[in-house]
Amino acid sequence: MRTWRFSPVSHPEQDLDEIATYELNFDPSTTGGKGWHHDRLRHTLAVEDPGDPEPGGPFEIACALVRDYEFSDRHIMSALFHSRAPLVGRDMLLEGRFVVLRFPMGVRVDAEVDETRERADGSSERVWGWSYRTLEHHLERGRLVYEVVKNLSTGKVEFVITGVSARAEIHNPVIALGFGVFGRFTQRRFYRVISHRLAERVRFVLEGGDRPVPDPVGPDDVVRAPSR
């Protein structure tokens, strides 16, 4: 697979078949070494009544949007995947955009989070989310976790992003230079943008709008998220 393009992915089903053969591009046991970035961002989405998540409330809406990658911004990153594939093990072809260039990058969902956690202050929080790891030919190496969290005492619903990442080996010297200059800035901007976008989409659904769902783009069940 080419590491960069001027045009969008034209045969997503073929590219998804290709990345299904890829392995991780890093050793998960080495992510504490030099050159690795550790990030954590929390963004408030809404407030429910204390207690278990409300049926059809902000927590449930946010979980559905996060599952479908409907929190992203197409101008920065979109995702292609098989909508009927199980969440854990799902291969995703991310398409990053920078100016006129597009960068196809494969990732694989490695875990689903679905639990109640005890906090240090004695309160509990309900958590749902998932994580992915990067595959061969990705510009970065690492793991990213997306979680929707509700504090059961206060009712506050948050979007929590936790990531560990490092630059991958990039053979094209021009792309390597560009990533060295703009990569970290773009990564941090992406975290901020998707947090605000998820809050906007949760609010839109709460106000009576239809929940966005990924757009069908290929044969069978291939979709692109976020939707237009």
Protein backbone atom coordinates (compact mmCIF):
# COMPACT_ATOMS: atom_id res chain seq x y z
CA MET A 1 0.00 0.00 0.00
CA ARG A 2 1.32 3.46 -0.87
CA THR A 3 2.13 5.58 2.16
CA TRP A 4 0.67 8.74 0.61
CA ARG A 5 -1.76 9.77 -2.12
CA PHE A 6 -3.33 12.85 -3.65
CA SER A 7 -6.77 11.23 -3.99
CA PRO A 8 -9.06 9.38 -1.57
CA VAL A 9 -8.93 5.61 -1.22
CA SER A 10 -10.64 4.30 -4.37
CA HIS A 11 -10.85 0.57 -3.59
CA PRO A 12 -11.39 0.37 0.18
CA GLU A 13 -12.35 -3.30 0.18
CA GLN A 14 -9.03 -4.22 -1.47
CA ASP A 15 -7.03 -2.10 0.95
CA LEU A 16 -8.89 -3.57 3.92
CA ASP A 17 -8.08 -7.05 2.64
CA GLU A 18 -4.44 -6.01 2.41
CA ILE A 19 -4.12 -4.58 5.91
CA ALA A 20 -5.80 -7.71 7.30
CA THR A 21 -2.46 -9.42 6.52
CA TYR A 22 -0.39 -6.79 8.36
CA GLU A 23 1.24 -7.23 11.76
CA LEU A 24 1.80 -4.63 14.47
CA ASN A 25 4.59 -2.19 13.66
CA PHE A 26 5.91 -2.07 17.23
CA ASP A 27 6.59 -4.17 20.29
CA PRO A 28 4.00 -3.22 22.97
CA SER A 29 6.56 -3.95 25.70
CA THR A 30 8.84 -1.11 24.55
CA THR A 31 6.47 1.86 24.78
CA GLY A 32 8.12 3.33 27.86
CA GLY A 33 11.42 4.11 26.17
CA LYS A 34 12.91 7.22 24.62
CA GLY A 35 10.88 8.88 21.89
CA TRP A 36 7.49 7.72 23.13
CA HIS A 37 4.73 10.22 23.91
CA HIS A 38 2.12 9.53 26.58
CA ASP A 39 -1.09 11.54 26.26
CA ARG A 40 -4.34 11.79 28.21
CA LEU A 41 -7.19 14.18 27.54
CA ARG A 42 -10.61 14.43 29.25
CA HIS A 43 -13.45 16.48 27.77
CA THR A 44 -16.90 16.93 29.31
CA LEU A 45 -19.73 15.94 26.96
CA ALA A 46 -22.84 16.43 29.10
CA VAL A 47 -24.33 15.84 32.54
CA GLU A 48 -26.95 13.21 33.37
CA ASP A 49 -28.70 12.47 36.63
CA PRO A 50 -26.46 10.53 39.04
CA GLY A 51 -26.67 6.76 38.89
CA ASP A 52 -26.62 4.29 36.01
CA PRO A 53 -26.53 5.71 32.46
CA GLU A 54 -29.92 6.97 31.30
CA PRO A 55 -31.59 5.07 28.43
CA GLY A 56 -31.12 7.23 25.34
CA GLY A 57 -29.06 9.71 27.35
CA PRO A 58 -25.68 11.33 26.63
CA PHE A 59 -23.65 8.32 27.76
CA GLU A 60 -25.48 5.88 25.47
CA ILE A 61 -25.43 8.32 22.54
CA ALA A 62 -21.72 8.97 22.95
CA CYS A 63 -20.96 5.24 23.13
CA ALA A 64 -22.76 4.63 19.83
CA LEU A 65 -20.93 7.52 18.14
CA VAL A 66 -17.54 6.36 19.45
CA ARG A 67 -18.19 2.78 18.33
CA ASP A 68 -18.85 4.03 14.78
CA TYR A 69 -15.91 6.50 14.73
CA GLU A 70 -18.46 9.29 14.29
CA PHE A 71 -16.48 11.66 16.50
CA SER A 72 -13.76 12.36 13.96
CA ASP A 73 -13.32 15.26 11.53
CA ARG A 74 -13.04 14.22 7.87
CA HIS A 75 -10.67 17.12 7.18
CA ILE A 76 -8.13 15.51 9.52
CA MET A 77 -8.92 11.80 9.71
CA SER A 78 -11.55 9.39 8.43
CA ALA A 79 -11.86 5.63 8.77
CA LEU A 80 -12.92 2.81 6.46
CA PHE A 81 -14.02 -0.52 7.93
CA HIS A 82 -16.47 -3.39 7.66
CA SER A 83 -19.55 -2.33 9.63
CA ARG A 84 -20.61 -5.90 10.42
CA ALA A 85 -17.20 -6.99 11.70
CA PRO A 86 -16.93 -7.65 15.45
CA LEU A 87 -15.50 -4.63 17.24
CA VAL A 88 -12.52 -6.46 18.73
CA GLY A 89 -10.29 -7.52 15.87
CA ARG A 90 -11.82 -4.99 13.48
CA ASP A 91 -9.30 -3.72 10.92
CA MET A 92 -9.64 -0.04 10.10
CA LEU A 93 -8.04 1.90 7.27
CA LEU A 94 -7.49 5.40 8.60
CA GLU A 95 -6.99 8.14 6.02
CA GLY A 96 -5.13 11.12 7.42
CA ARG A 97 -5.19 14.42 5.54
CA PHE A 98 -2.61 17.18 5.51
CA VAL A 99 -3.00 20.01 2.98
CA VAL A 100 -3.39 18.15 -0.38
CA LEU A 101 -1.90 14.85 0.74
CA ARG A 102 -3.71 11.79 2.12
CA PHE A 103 -2.04 9.11 4.21
CA PRO A 104 -3.67 5.64 4.42
CA MET A 105 -2.76 3.90 7.68
CA GLY A 106 -3.91 0.55 9.05
CA VAL A 107 -4.92 -0.09 12.65
CA ARG A 108 -6.54 -3.04 14.45
CA VAL A 109 -8.97 -2.86 17.37
CA ASP A 110 -7.35 -4.89 20.16
CA ALA A 111 -9.74 -4.45 23.12
CA GLU A 112 -13.19 -3.35 24.25
CA VAL A 113 -13.63 -1.64 27.61
CA ASP A 114 -16.93 -2.26 29.43
CA GLU A 115 -16.69 -1.90 33.18
CA THR A 116 -17.38 0.04 36.36
CA ARG A 117 -14.31 1.50 38.03
CA GLU A 118 -13.71 2.73 41.54
CA ARG A 119 -12.11 6.18 41.76
CA ALA A 120 -9.57 7.32 44.34
CA ASP A 121 -12.16 9.68 45.86
CA GLY A 122 -14.48 6.75 46.62
CA SER A 123 -16.92 7.39 43.75
CA SER A 124 -17.56 5.01 40.84
CA GLU A 125 -17.62 5.57 37.10
CA ARG A 126 -19.18 3.62 34.25
CA VAL A 127 -16.83 3.19 31.32
CA TRP A 128 -17.24 1.96 27.77
CA GLY A 129 -14.77 2.24 24.92
CA TRP A 130 -12.22 0.53 22.72
CA SER A 131 -8.59 0.74 21.67
CA TYR A 132 -6.51 0.09 18.60
CA ARG A 133 -2.88 -0.62 17.80
CA THR A 134 -0.99 0.51 14.72
CA LEU A 135 -0.03 -1.84 11.90
CA GLU A 136 2.77 -2.01 9.36
CA HIS A 137 3.26 1.06 7.12
CA HIS A 138 1.57 3.40 9.62
CA LEU A 139 3.32 6.75 10.12
CA GLU A 140 3.17 6.23 13.88
CA ARG A 141 3.63 3.36 16.30
CA GLY A 142 1.47 2.85 19.34
CA ARG A 143 -1.93 2.40 20.91
CA LEU A 144 -4.90 4.75 21.29
CA VAL A 145 -7.82 4.27 23.71
CA TYR A 146 -11.20 6.02 23.34
CA GLU A 147 -13.52 5.87 26.37
CA VAL A 148 -16.89 7.32 27.34
CA VAL A 149 -16.95 7.75 31.11
CA LYS A 150 -19.87 8.60 33.44
CA ASN A 151 -19.27 9.51 37.06
CA LEU A 152 -22.10 7.75 38.85
CA SER A 153 -22.05 10.24 41.74
CA THR A 154 -22.07 13.51 39.79
CA GLY A 155 -23.63 12.36 36.50
CA LYS A 156 -20.86 14.01 34.47
CA VAL A 157 -20.20 12.27 31.13
CA GLU A 158 -16.73 12.65 29.63
CA PHE A 159 -14.77 11.57 26.58
CA VAL A 160 -11.33 10.30 27.60
CA ILE A 161 -8.48 9.78 25.14
CA THR A 162 -5.38 7.91 26.27
CA GLY A 163 -2.52 7.35 23.88
CA VAL A 164 1.05 6.16 23.69
CA SER A 165 2.81 6.86 20.42
CA ALA A 166 6.11 7.31 18.65
CA ARG A 167 7.16 8.10 15.12
CA ALA A 168 7.47 5.07 12.85
CA GLU A 169 10.24 4.52 10.34
CA ILE A 170 9.41 6.67 7.30
CA HIS A 171 11.48 5.95 4.20
CA ASN A 172 10.38 8.94 2.09
CA PRO A 173 12.65 11.81 3.24
CA VAL A 174 10.13 14.53 2.35
CA ILE A 175 7.31 12.82 4.26
CA ALA A 176 9.69 12.12 7.14
CA LEU A 177 10.67 15.80 7.34
CA GLY A 178 7.05 16.94 7.20
CA PHE A 179 6.01 14.48 9.88
CA GLY A 180 8.92 15.55 12.06
CA VAL A 181 7.84 19.19 11.84
CA PHE A 182 4.03 18.89 11.90
CA GLY A 183 3.25 15.39 13.23
CA ARG A 184 3.09 16.12 16.95
CA PHE A 185 1.21 19.40 16.44
CA THR A 186 -1.35 17.66 14.20
CA GLN A 187 -1.75 14.81 16.68
CA ARG A 188 -2.54 17.15 19.58
CA ARG A 189 -4.89 19.18 17.41
CA PHE A 190 -6.71 15.98 16.41
CA TYR A 191 -7.35 15.09 20.05
CA ARG A 192 -8.83 18.53 20.76
CA VAL A 193 -10.94 18.64 17.62
CA ILE A 194 -12.53 15.20 18.01
CA SER A 195 -13.36 15.89 21.66
CA HIS A 196 -15.30 19.02 20.75
CA ARG A 197 -16.87 17.32 17.74
CA LEU A 198 -18.18 14.43 19.84
CA ALA A 199 -19.74 16.89 22.28
CA GLU A 200 -21.42 18.70 19.39
CA ARG A 201 -22.81 15.48 17.94
CA VAL A 202 -24.10 14.29 21.31
CA ARG A 203 -25.85 17.62 21.77
CA PHE A 204 -27.29 17.42 18.24
CA VAL A 205 -28.87 14.02 18.93
CA LEU A 206 -30.16 15.11 22.34
CA GLU A 207 -31.88 18.05 20.65
CA GLY A 208 -33.79 15.68 18.35
CA GLY A 209 -31.42 15.15 15.44
CA ASP A 210 -30.84 11.75 13.88
CA ARG A 211 -27.74 9.97 15.14
CA PRO A 212 -25.06 10.09 12.43
CA VAL A 213 -24.03 6.73 11.03
CA PRO A 214 -21.12 5.88 8.68
CA ASP A 215 -21.64 6.20 4.93
CA PRO A 216 -21.70 3.03 2.78
CA VAL A 217 -18.88 3.38 0.25
CA GLY A 218 -18.19 -0.04 -1.18
CA PRO A 219 -19.55 -3.49 -1.83
CA ASP A 220 -20.93 -5.53 1.00
CA ASP A 221 -20.61 -3.69 4.35
CA VAL A 222 -17.67 -1.29 3.83
CA VAL A 223 -18.37 2.15 5.33
CA ARG A 224 -16.57 5.45 5.85
CA ALA A 225 -16.79 7.41 9.08
CA PRO A 226 -17.50 10.08 10.02
CA SER A 227 -20.54 10.52 7.81
CA ARG A 228 -21.01 13.58 5.67
